[in-house]
Amino acid sequence: MRNEAVIVDAVRSPMGKGKPGGALSEVHAVELLAQVLNGLVERNGVDPAMVEDILVGCVSQAGEHSGTPGRMAALAAGFPEHIPSTTIDRKCGSSQQAVHFAAQGIMAGAYRMTIAAGIESMSRVPMGSARIGQDPAGPSVSERYAPGLVGQGVSAELVSSRWNLGREELDAYAARSHQRAAEHRENGWFEREIIPIQTPNGVVSQDESIRPTTTPEGLAELKPAFVNDDIGKRFPEIDWKITAGNSSQITDGASALLIMDRALAEELGLKPLARFVAFDVIADDPLMMLTAPIPATRRALEKAGMTAADIDHFEVNEAFAPVPMAWQKEYGVDDARLNPCGGAIALGHPLGASGARLMTTMLHALERNGGRYGLQTMCEAGGMANATIIERLN
């Protein structure tokens, strides 16, 4: 009989704008993650010496992210020196994959207590820092997909075209993301999941990225962000509509989940919040790039013996508005169950931290609303996606 992996707690930092002057931009990336790790163990009364591994998602593994940030953060947090860490890169799904590996390690008997986390300080380590001046695909991939793969913004345009998503629909969805996130902030519904962060300018305890006054009409004034002459000639059929307003925001953030063997949690007198029901990871067309959440969802539901009707809360990462919208067209899920707390368009997308951030938000929303099952999925560069189903306990 395999061990049962459970989530005892899940926390995150506030989201800061990922640019100089952002609320978290003066905090070293290691210090940001260290404060989240400390907050996680302190509020659960856990001896950090019992943590057997810290698995950390991070995409831009350069600069302040380059020294195995989970290891440095554990040392910065004052954890015992024997605790190791590793860094995981599955692009935007990096910390969701960290959650998978942590839970699977417990199920296999390799661990009893772990932390799965994510970090991305995009103001201090800009996106793409690890590959400046380099071609990450290489000549064989470029030849196979001649005249070459495209950036995610162009892929978002291709998704919009395939699913017949109009500019008005995209902007309305984006405005709703801000409205939902603003409602949650105003009602204090994010407070339980946020660890306040000490910065040189004071304590930051709320998300900086939410714009409550965002309207579809205001977003309609923004120009498409990803078209240029060469791309326009290659895809003359595209009616360009992806803008900064209906895309995710560049942000700084960290997130972490305390995951352990259920028997150990009970021994320690801790109340597990959720258990893992199913995992999936799959890849799809690398040119479309953003469509793999669709088959990942199908496979996760099949593994669980469930249908979309059984799920109370869906988190489909809002890398761009057409990602959850195309997914929704495939599954027919009502608006109320899809990203009900707002998503990355409002809360931001700190790359390697986003997977654990979505899981944190989903778990606390299930707790607050009394829901039972949640499903999370994320598109990832190269055409990949993870999907996870959890069941809230008690």
Protein backbone atom coordinates (compact mmCIF):
# COMPACT_ATOMS: atom_id res chain seq x y z
CA MET A 1 0.00 0.00 0.00
CA ARG A 2 1.49 3.33 -1.02
CA ASN A 3 1.80 6.25 1.35
CA GLU A 4 -0.80 9.00 1.05
CA ALA A 5 0.59 12.44 0.24
CA VAL A 6 -1.32 15.37 1.70
CA ILE A 7 -1.03 19.16 1.68
CA VAL A 8 -0.81 20.49 5.22
CA ASP A 9 -0.54 24.15 4.22
CA ALA A 10 0.11 26.38 1.22
CA VAL A 11 1.32 29.98 1.23
CA ARG A 12 2.64 32.64 -1.09
CA SER A 13 4.11 36.10 -1.08
CA PRO A 14 2.11 39.05 -2.33
CA MET A 15 2.65 39.66 -6.03
CA GLY A 16 4.86 42.67 -6.83
CA LYS A 17 5.26 44.32 -10.20
CA GLY A 18 8.26 42.77 -11.89
CA LYS A 19 10.13 45.96 -12.72
CA PRO A 20 12.38 48.44 -10.94
CA GLY A 21 10.31 50.22 -8.32
CA GLY A 22 7.95 47.28 -7.87
CA ALA A 23 6.90 46.50 -4.31
CA LEU A 24 9.30 43.53 -4.02
CA SER A 25 12.00 44.70 -6.41
CA GLU A 26 14.46 45.61 -3.65
CA VAL A 27 14.29 42.17 -2.04
CA HIS A 28 16.94 39.65 -3.13
CA ALA A 29 15.25 36.62 -4.70
CA VAL A 30 16.71 34.29 -2.07
CA GLU A 31 15.44 36.50 0.75
CA LEU A 32 11.97 36.57 -0.81
CA LEU A 33 11.75 32.78 -0.88
CA ALA A 34 13.34 32.51 2.58
CA GLN A 35 10.61 34.66 4.14
CA VAL A 36 7.92 32.46 2.55
CA LEU A 37 9.62 29.27 3.77
CA ASN A 38 9.90 30.69 7.29
CA GLY A 39 6.27 31.76 7.28
CA LEU A 40 5.17 28.29 6.18
CA VAL A 41 6.95 26.34 8.94
CA GLU A 42 6.34 28.89 11.68
CA ARG A 43 2.58 29.06 11.28
CA ASN A 44 2.34 25.27 11.31
CA GLY A 45 4.70 24.76 14.25
CA VAL A 46 6.83 22.37 12.22
CA ASP A 47 10.45 21.68 13.10
CA PRO A 48 12.27 22.53 9.84
CA ALA A 49 14.81 19.82 10.66
CA MET A 50 12.15 17.29 9.62
CA VAL A 51 11.97 18.64 6.07
CA GLU A 52 13.79 16.09 3.90
CA ASP A 53 13.98 18.05 0.65
CA ILE A 54 12.93 21.40 -0.79
CA LEU A 55 11.91 21.18 -4.45
CA VAL A 56 11.84 24.60 -6.08
CA GLY A 57 10.49 25.66 -9.46
CA CYS A 58 12.45 28.43 -11.15
CA VAL A 59 12.68 29.30 -14.85
CA SER A 60 15.40 31.93 -15.25
CA GLN A 61 18.24 30.14 -13.49
CA ALA A 62 20.72 33.00 -13.72
CA GLY A 63 21.95 35.73 -11.41
CA GLU A 64 20.22 35.57 -8.03
CA HIS A 65 18.38 32.42 -9.15
CA SER A 66 21.55 30.54 -10.10
CA GLY A 67 22.83 29.19 -6.79
CA THR A 68 20.14 26.54 -6.21
CA PRO A 69 17.77 29.14 -4.76
CA GLY A 70 15.95 26.68 -2.49
CA ARG A 71 19.20 25.70 -0.80
CA MET A 72 20.25 29.32 -0.34
CA ALA A 73 16.76 30.25 0.90
CA ALA A 74 16.77 27.44 3.47
CA LEU A 75 20.11 28.68 4.80
CA ALA A 76 18.87 32.27 4.77
CA ALA A 77 15.78 31.17 6.70
CA GLY A 78 17.96 29.60 9.37
CA PHE A 79 16.95 26.02 8.57
CA PRO A 80 19.40 23.28 9.63
CA GLU A 81 22.30 22.81 7.26
CA HIS A 82 21.44 19.20 6.41
CA ILE A 83 18.35 20.12 4.36
CA PRO A 84 18.98 19.81 0.60
CA SER A 85 17.17 21.39 -2.31
CA THR A 86 16.90 21.04 -6.05
CA THR A 87 15.72 23.36 -8.81
CA ILE A 88 13.10 22.29 -11.36
CA ASP A 89 12.47 23.90 -14.73
CA ARG A 90 9.33 22.97 -16.60
CA LYS A 91 8.90 26.56 -17.70
CA CYS A 92 5.66 28.15 -16.43
CA GLY A 93 4.70 24.88 -14.72
CA SER A 94 7.96 24.54 -12.80
CA SER A 95 6.54 24.72 -9.29
CA GLN A 96 3.48 22.68 -10.23
CA GLN A 97 5.98 20.02 -11.30
CA ALA A 98 7.77 20.53 -7.98
CA VAL A 99 4.46 19.75 -6.25
CA HIS A 100 4.11 16.60 -8.37
CA PHE A 101 7.64 15.41 -7.57
CA ALA A 102 7.21 16.12 -3.85
CA ALA A 103 3.91 14.24 -3.63
CA GLN A 104 5.13 11.38 -5.78
CA GLY A 105 8.25 11.06 -3.62
CA ILE A 106 6.08 10.70 -0.54
CA MET A 107 3.82 8.16 -2.25
CA ALA A 108 6.91 6.14 -3.20
CA GLY A 109 8.24 6.21 0.36
CA ALA A 110 11.30 8.34 -0.47
CA TYR A 111 10.16 11.20 1.79
CA ARG A 112 7.88 11.76 4.73
CA MET A 113 7.96 15.58 4.73
CA THR A 114 8.87 17.95 1.92
CA ILE A 115 8.35 21.50 0.76
CA ALA A 116 7.44 22.21 -2.86
CA ALA A 117 8.06 25.84 -3.74
CA GLY A 118 8.64 28.33 -6.51
CA ILE A 119 10.52 31.59 -6.97
CA GLU A 120 10.84 34.17 -9.72
CA SER A 121 12.06 37.69 -9.12
CA MET A 122 11.44 39.07 -12.58
CA SER A 123 12.49 42.60 -11.67
CA ARG A 124 15.93 41.35 -10.60
CA VAL A 125 16.38 38.41 -12.99
CA PRO A 126 14.58 39.42 -16.20
CA MET A 127 12.83 36.79 -18.27
CA GLY A 128 15.26 35.17 -20.71
CA SER A 129 18.36 36.01 -18.66
CA ALA A 130 19.62 32.43 -18.87
CA ARG A 131 19.66 32.36 -22.67
CA ILE A 132 20.75 35.82 -23.79
CA GLY A 133 22.26 35.59 -27.27
CA GLN A 134 21.55 31.86 -27.52
CA ASP A 135 19.18 29.78 -29.66
CA PRO A 136 17.49 27.35 -27.25
CA ALA A 137 15.93 25.26 -30.03
CA GLY A 138 18.86 24.40 -32.27
CA PRO A 139 18.97 23.73 -36.01
CA SER A 140 17.11 20.38 -36.09
CA VAL A 141 14.03 21.76 -34.35
CA SER A 142 14.10 24.84 -36.57
CA GLU A 143 14.28 22.58 -39.62
CA ARG A 144 11.44 20.33 -38.42
CA TYR A 145 9.18 23.33 -37.77
CA ALA A 146 10.50 25.55 -40.56
CA PRO A 147 10.58 28.46 -40.79
CA GLY A 148 10.86 28.10 -37.01
CA LEU A 149 8.91 28.19 -33.77
CA VAL A 150 7.41 31.44 -32.53
CA GLY A 151 7.11 33.26 -29.23
CA GLN A 152 4.24 32.62 -26.87
CA GLY A 153 2.49 35.86 -27.79
CA VAL A 154 2.22 34.74 -31.41
CA SER A 155 1.07 31.31 -30.23
CA ALA A 156 -1.66 33.07 -28.26
CA GLU A 157 -2.75 34.73 -31.50
CA LEU A 158 -2.86 31.34 -33.22
CA VAL A 159 -4.98 29.91 -30.39
CA SER A 160 -7.35 32.88 -30.61
CA SER A 161 -7.76 32.31 -34.35
CA ARG A 162 -8.33 28.55 -34.06
CA TRP A 163 -11.03 28.95 -31.40
CA ASN A 164 -12.56 32.06 -33.01
CA LEU A 165 -11.98 34.28 -29.99
CA GLY A 166 -12.60 37.95 -30.73
CA ARG A 167 -10.86 40.96 -29.26
CA GLU A 168 -13.94 42.02 -27.31
CA GLU A 169 -14.21 38.57 -25.71
CA LEU A 170 -10.54 38.55 -24.74
CA ASP A 171 -10.69 42.01 -23.18
CA ALA A 172 -13.91 41.22 -21.33
CA TYR A 173 -12.28 38.12 -19.87
CA ALA A 174 -9.19 40.11 -18.84
CA ALA A 175 -11.28 42.79 -17.13
CA ARG A 176 -13.18 40.10 -15.25
CA SER A 177 -9.90 38.66 -13.95
CA HIS A 178 -9.07 42.01 -12.35
CA GLN A 179 -12.61 42.41 -10.98
CA ARG A 180 -12.57 38.97 -9.36
CA ALA A 181 -9.11 39.47 -7.87
CA ALA A 182 -10.10 42.93 -6.60
CA GLU A 183 -13.20 41.49 -4.92
CA HIS A 184 -11.09 38.85 -3.19
CA ARG A 185 -8.57 41.42 -2.01
CA GLU A 186 -11.25 43.79 -0.74
CA ASN A 187 -12.98 41.03 1.19
CA GLY A 188 -9.72 39.83 2.73
CA TRP A 189 -10.04 36.41 1.06
CA PHE A 190 -6.37 36.34 0.04
CA GLU A 191 -5.08 37.12 3.53
CA ARG A 192 -4.88 33.50 4.71
CA GLU A 193 -2.63 32.51 1.82
CA ILE A 194 -0.26 35.51 1.87
CA ILE A 195 2.92 35.73 3.94
CA PRO A 196 3.72 39.45 4.39
CA ILE A 197 7.18 40.31 3.08
CA GLN A 198 9.63 42.62 4.82
CA THR A 199 11.30 44.94 2.31
CA PRO A 200 13.71 47.88 2.75
CA ASN A 201 10.67 50.13 2.33
CA GLY A 202 8.41 48.37 4.83
CA VAL A 203 6.11 45.36 4.89
CA VAL A 204 4.21 44.35 1.75
CA SER A 205 1.08 42.33 2.49
CA GLN A 206 -1.16 42.81 -0.55
CA ASP A 207 -0.87 42.12 -4.26
CA GLU A 208 0.37 45.13 -6.18
CA SER A 209 -0.72 43.99 -9.63
CA ILE A 210 -4.52 44.08 -9.32
CA ARG A 211 -6.20 46.97 -11.16
CA PRO A 212 -9.80 47.22 -9.88
CA THR A 213 -10.78 49.95 -12.35
CA THR A 214 -9.91 47.88 -15.43
CA THR A 215 -12.70 47.81 -18.01
CA PRO A 216 -13.09 46.15 -21.41
CA GLU A 217 -13.40 49.62 -22.93
CA GLY A 218 -10.08 50.71 -21.47
CA LEU A 219 -8.36 47.52 -22.61
CA ALA A 220 -9.74 48.01 -26.12
CA GLU A 221 -7.49 51.05 -26.52
CA LEU A 222 -4.30 48.99 -26.23
CA LYS A 223 -2.44 47.99 -29.38
CA PRO A 224 -1.52 44.39 -30.26
CA ALA A 225 1.84 43.57 -28.68
CA PHE A 226 3.33 40.81 -30.80
CA VAL A 227 2.94 41.72 -34.46
CA ASN A 228 5.82 42.95 -36.61
CA ASP A 229 6.44 42.98 -40.35
CA ASP A 230 8.12 39.57 -40.54
CA ILE A 231 5.58 37.83 -38.33
CA GLY A 232 2.71 39.57 -40.10
CA LYS A 233 3.91 38.24 -43.46
CA ARG A 234 4.26 34.72 -42.08
CA PHE A 235 0.74 34.70 -40.62
CA PRO A 236 -1.39 36.93 -42.86
CA GLU A 237 -4.55 35.19 -41.63
CA ILE A 238 -4.19 36.49 -38.06
CA ASP A 239 -6.35 39.37 -36.89
CA TRP A 240 -3.92 40.58 -34.24
CA LYS A 241 -5.58 41.02 -30.84
CA ILE A 242 -3.22 39.98 -28.01
CA THR A 243 -2.19 43.02 -25.96
CA ALA A 244 -0.46 43.75 -22.67
CA GLY A 245 -3.95 44.01 -21.16
CA ASN A 246 -5.17 40.51 -22.02
CA SER A 247 -1.82 38.87 -21.19
CA SER A 248 -0.37 37.90 -17.82
CA GLN A 249 1.66 40.46 -15.91
CA ILE A 250 5.40 40.24 -15.24
CA THR A 251 5.73 39.95 -11.47
CA ASP A 252 7.93 39.05 -8.52
CA GLY A 253 6.70 36.29 -6.23
CA ALA A 254 7.35 33.15 -4.23
CA SER A 255 5.10 30.32 -3.09
CA ALA A 256 5.43 27.12 -1.04
CA LEU A 257 3.43 24.05 0.04
CA LEU A 258 4.08 21.80 3.02
CA ILE A 259 3.52 18.26 1.74
CA MET A 260 3.85 15.15 3.87
CA ASP A 261 2.81 11.59 4.50
CA ARG A 262 -0.68 11.64 5.99
CA ALA A 263 0.35 9.32 8.80
CA LEU A 264 3.13 11.72 9.80
CA ALA A 265 0.75 14.67 9.75
CA GLU A 266 -1.54 12.82 12.13
CA GLU A 267 1.40 11.89 14.38
CA LEU A 268 2.31 15.60 14.59
CA GLY A 269 -1.25 16.66 15.28
CA LEU A 270 -1.51 18.55 11.99
CA LYS A 271 -4.71 18.78 9.98
CA PRO A 272 -4.20 17.89 6.30
CA LEU A 273 -6.05 20.28 4.01
CA ALA A 274 -6.11 18.17 0.85
CA ARG A 275 -4.93 14.96 -0.76
CA PHE A 276 -3.71 14.33 -4.29
CA VAL A 277 -6.10 12.50 -6.60
CA ALA A 278 -4.36 12.52 -10.00
CA PHE A 279 -1.38 13.95 -11.86
CA ASP A 280 -0.64 14.37 -15.54
CA VAL A 281 1.98 15.95 -17.75
CA ILE A 282 1.86 15.95 -21.53
CA ALA A 283 3.07 17.93 -24.53
CA ASP A 284 1.27 19.16 -27.63
CA ASP A 285 2.04 21.13 -30.81
CA PRO A 286 5.05 23.39 -30.01
CA LEU A 287 3.96 25.99 -32.57
CA MET A 288 0.52 26.43 -30.96
CA MET A 289 2.41 25.95 -27.67
CA LEU A 290 -0.45 26.89 -25.31
CA THR A 291 -2.96 24.09 -26.01
CA ALA A 292 -1.58 21.22 -23.91
CA PRO A 293 -3.81 22.04 -20.87
CA ILE A 294 -6.67 20.59 -22.92
CA PRO A 295 -5.28 17.02 -23.23
CA ALA A 296 -3.63 17.25 -19.78
CA THR A 297 -7.05 17.93 -18.23
CA ARG A 298 -8.64 15.06 -20.12
CA ARG A 299 -5.96 12.61 -19.01
CA ALA A 300 -6.04 13.73 -15.37
CA LEU A 301 -9.82 13.32 -15.27
CA GLU A 302 -9.54 9.88 -16.86
CA LYS A 303 -6.92 8.79 -14.31
CA ALA A 304 -9.21 9.95 -11.50
CA GLY A 305 -12.32 8.34 -13.01
CA MET A 306 -13.99 11.75 -13.00
CA THR A 307 -15.58 14.25 -15.38
CA ALA A 308 -15.44 18.03 -15.45
CA ALA A 309 -18.84 18.08 -13.74
CA ASP A 310 -17.22 16.60 -10.61
CA ILE A 311 -14.78 19.50 -10.17
CA ASP A 312 -15.75 22.46 -8.00
CA HIS A 313 -12.85 24.79 -8.86
CA PHE A 314 -10.66 25.01 -11.96
CA GLU A 315 -7.42 26.97 -12.17
CA VAL A 316 -6.26 27.33 -15.79
CA ASN A 317 -3.29 29.66 -15.83
CA GLU A 318 -4.00 32.95 -17.56
CA ALA A 319 -0.71 33.20 -19.42
CA PHE A 320 -2.88 34.87 -22.07
CA ALA A 321 -6.67 35.21 -22.09
CA PRO A 322 -7.16 32.72 -24.97
CA VAL A 323 -5.58 29.88 -22.95
CA PRO A 324 -8.40 29.46 -20.39
CA MET A 325 -10.98 30.59 -22.95
CA ALA A 326 -10.04 27.90 -25.51
CA TRP A 327 -9.88 25.35 -22.68
CA GLN A 328 -13.36 26.42 -21.55
CA LYS A 329 -14.77 25.97 -25.04
CA GLU A 330 -13.48 22.40 -25.06
CA TYR A 331 -14.90 21.47 -21.64
CA GLY A 332 -18.03 23.64 -21.40
CA VAL A 333 -17.24 24.65 -17.82
CA ASP A 334 -19.37 27.50 -16.46
CA ASP A 335 -17.72 30.82 -15.69
CA ALA A 336 -18.26 30.52 -11.93
CA ARG A 337 -15.90 27.54 -11.60
CA LEU A 338 -13.11 28.83 -13.87
CA ASN A 339 -10.48 31.01 -12.17
CA PRO A 340 -13.02 32.36 -9.66
CA CYS A 341 -10.36 34.33 -7.75
CA GLY A 342 -8.96 36.02 -10.84
CA GLY A 343 -5.79 34.78 -12.45
CA ALA A 344 -2.40 35.77 -13.80
CA ILE A 345 -3.84 38.64 -15.84
CA ALA A 346 -4.61 40.34 -12.52
CA LEU A 347 -2.34 38.58 -10.03
CA GLY A 348 0.67 38.26 -12.30
CA HIS A 349 2.74 35.36 -13.53
CA PRO A 350 6.07 35.01 -11.69
CA LEU A 351 7.00 32.06 -13.94
CA GLY A 352 8.59 29.46 -11.68
CA ALA A 353 6.43 30.47 -8.70
CA SER A 354 3.10 30.38 -10.53
CA GLY A 355 2.32 26.67 -10.27
CA ALA A 356 2.50 26.64 -6.48
CA ARG A 357 0.75 30.03 -6.36
CA LEU A 358 -2.24 28.68 -8.29
CA MET A 359 -2.37 25.58 -6.07
CA THR A 360 -2.25 27.79 -2.98
CA THR A 361 -5.08 30.02 -4.18
CA MET A 362 -7.21 27.07 -5.29
CA LEU A 363 -6.75 25.21 -2.00
CA HIS A 364 -7.72 28.18 0.15
CA ALA A 365 -10.72 28.93 -2.08
CA LEU A 366 -11.94 25.34 -1.68
CA GLU A 367 -11.54 25.71 2.09
CA ARG A 368 -13.45 28.98 2.13
CA ASN A 369 -16.27 27.83 -0.14
CA GLY A 370 -16.61 24.25 1.06
CA GLY A 371 -15.74 22.78 -2.34
CA ARG A 372 -14.39 19.26 -2.59
CA TYR A 373 -12.37 18.85 -5.80
CA GLY A 374 -10.02 21.24 -7.59
CA LEU A 375 -8.18 20.85 -10.90
CA GLN A 376 -5.21 22.98 -11.89
CA THR A 377 -3.48 23.08 -15.27
CA MET A 378 -0.88 25.32 -16.88
CA CYS A 379 0.48 25.83 -20.36
CA GLU A 380 4.27 25.70 -20.59
CA ALA A 381 6.85 26.76 -23.17
CA GLY A 382 7.57 24.14 -25.79
CA GLY A 383 3.94 23.04 -25.85
CA MET A 384 3.81 21.23 -22.48
CA ALA A 385 1.29 21.23 -19.62
CA ASN A 386 0.81 19.80 -16.15
CA ALA A 387 -2.54 18.97 -14.57
CA THR A 388 -3.29 18.15 -10.95
CA ILE A 389 -6.51 17.13 -9.18
CA ILE A 390 -6.76 17.56 -5.42
CA GLU A 391 -9.50 16.71 -2.95
CA ARG A 392 -10.13 18.94 0.04
CA LEU A 393 -10.30 16.91 3.23
CA ASN A 394 -12.73 17.32 6.15
